[in-house]
Protein backbone atom coordinates (compact mmCIF):
# COMPACT_ATOMS: atom_id res chain seq x y z
CA UNK A 1 30.40 134.75 -51.89
CA UNK A 2 27.19 134.32 -52.79
CA UNK A 3 28.01 130.32 -53.65
CA UNK A 4 29.61 127.40 -51.22
CA UNK A 5 32.93 126.77 -53.00
CA UNK A 6 33.85 127.40 -56.90
CA UNK A 7 37.13 126.69 -59.32
CA UNK A 8 40.16 128.41 -59.01
CA UNK A 9 39.94 129.27 -62.26
CA UNK A 10 36.36 131.23 -61.34
CA UNK A 11 38.10 133.05 -58.54
CA UNK A 12 40.97 134.47 -61.08
CA UNK A 13 38.58 134.64 -63.29
CA UNK A 14 36.66 137.20 -60.56
CA UNK A 15 40.19 138.72 -59.91
CA UNK A 16 40.93 138.97 -63.61
CA UNK A 17 44.29 137.64 -63.02
CA UNK A 18 44.24 135.26 -66.00
CA UNK A 19 47.57 135.58 -67.05
CA UNK A 20 49.25 135.22 -63.58
CA UNK A 21 51.09 132.99 -62.28
CA UNK A 22 49.35 130.76 -58.81
CA UNK A 23 50.32 127.52 -56.86
CA UNK A 24 46.78 126.45 -57.25
CA UNK A 25 45.44 123.92 -60.77
CA UNK A 26 42.40 125.30 -62.01
CA UNK A 27 40.26 122.56 -61.66
CA UNK A 28 41.86 123.20 -57.47
CA UNK A 29 38.05 123.81 -54.86
CA UNK A 30 37.99 126.11 -52.73
CA UNK A 31 35.59 127.06 -50.19
CA UNK A 32 34.10 130.60 -49.68
CA UNK A 33 31.88 131.03 -46.37
CA UNK A 34 28.79 128.39 -45.75
CA UNK A 35 27.82 131.20 -43.36
CA UNK A 36 27.49 133.92 -46.56
CA UNK A 37 25.95 131.55 -48.68
CA UNK A 38 23.52 129.60 -46.15
CA UNK A 39 22.21 133.43 -45.12
CA UNK A 40 22.59 134.85 -47.95
CA UNK A 41 19.85 132.63 -49.14
CA UNK A 42 16.69 134.50 -50.91
CA UNK A 43 14.36 132.19 -48.71
CA UNK A 44 16.35 133.67 -45.28
CA UNK A 45 18.16 137.16 -45.74
CA UNK A 46 19.23 137.39 -49.53
CA UNK A 47 20.77 140.07 -50.74
CA UNK A 48 20.28 142.25 -48.11
CA UNK A 49 22.65 140.08 -46.03
CA UNK A 50 25.53 141.53 -47.65
CA UNK A 51 23.94 145.14 -46.86
CA UNK A 52 23.57 144.86 -42.98
CA UNK A 53 26.35 146.24 -41.38
CA UNK A 54 28.84 143.76 -40.27
CA UNK A 55 28.69 144.13 -36.39
CA UNK A 56 25.11 143.26 -37.03
CA UNK A 57 26.21 140.17 -39.05
CA UNK A 58 27.99 139.14 -36.26
CA UNK A 59 25.03 139.46 -33.64
CA UNK A 60 23.71 137.32 -35.91
CA UNK A 61 25.93 134.57 -36.22
CA UNK A 62 26.72 134.71 -32.49
CA UNK A 63 22.80 134.02 -32.14
CA UNK A 64 22.58 131.78 -34.16
CA UNK A 65 26.11 129.84 -32.82
CA UNK A 66 25.68 129.84 -29.58
CA UNK A 67 22.06 130.08 -28.75
CA UNK A 68 20.43 126.76 -27.05
CA UNK A 69 17.31 127.73 -26.86
CA UNK A 70 15.26 127.85 -30.34
CA UNK A 71 12.45 130.82 -27.99
CA UNK A 72 15.21 132.60 -27.70
CA UNK A 73 15.89 132.49 -31.29
């Protein structure tokens, strides 16, 4: 997910579920993963972020979230 938010209409299009019934309006905003959005930025990891193993992505998240010393990062 490379966007921080989507309209529900965009989600339906991605799922190819245009004719299905949902309890959301097409204009409703669906928020994605801010972490994926930010770390997949071309200035950081770019699309390669999604190619990293889940364990590696978790370790990176853990370091960014919990480390208090910038030198350790």
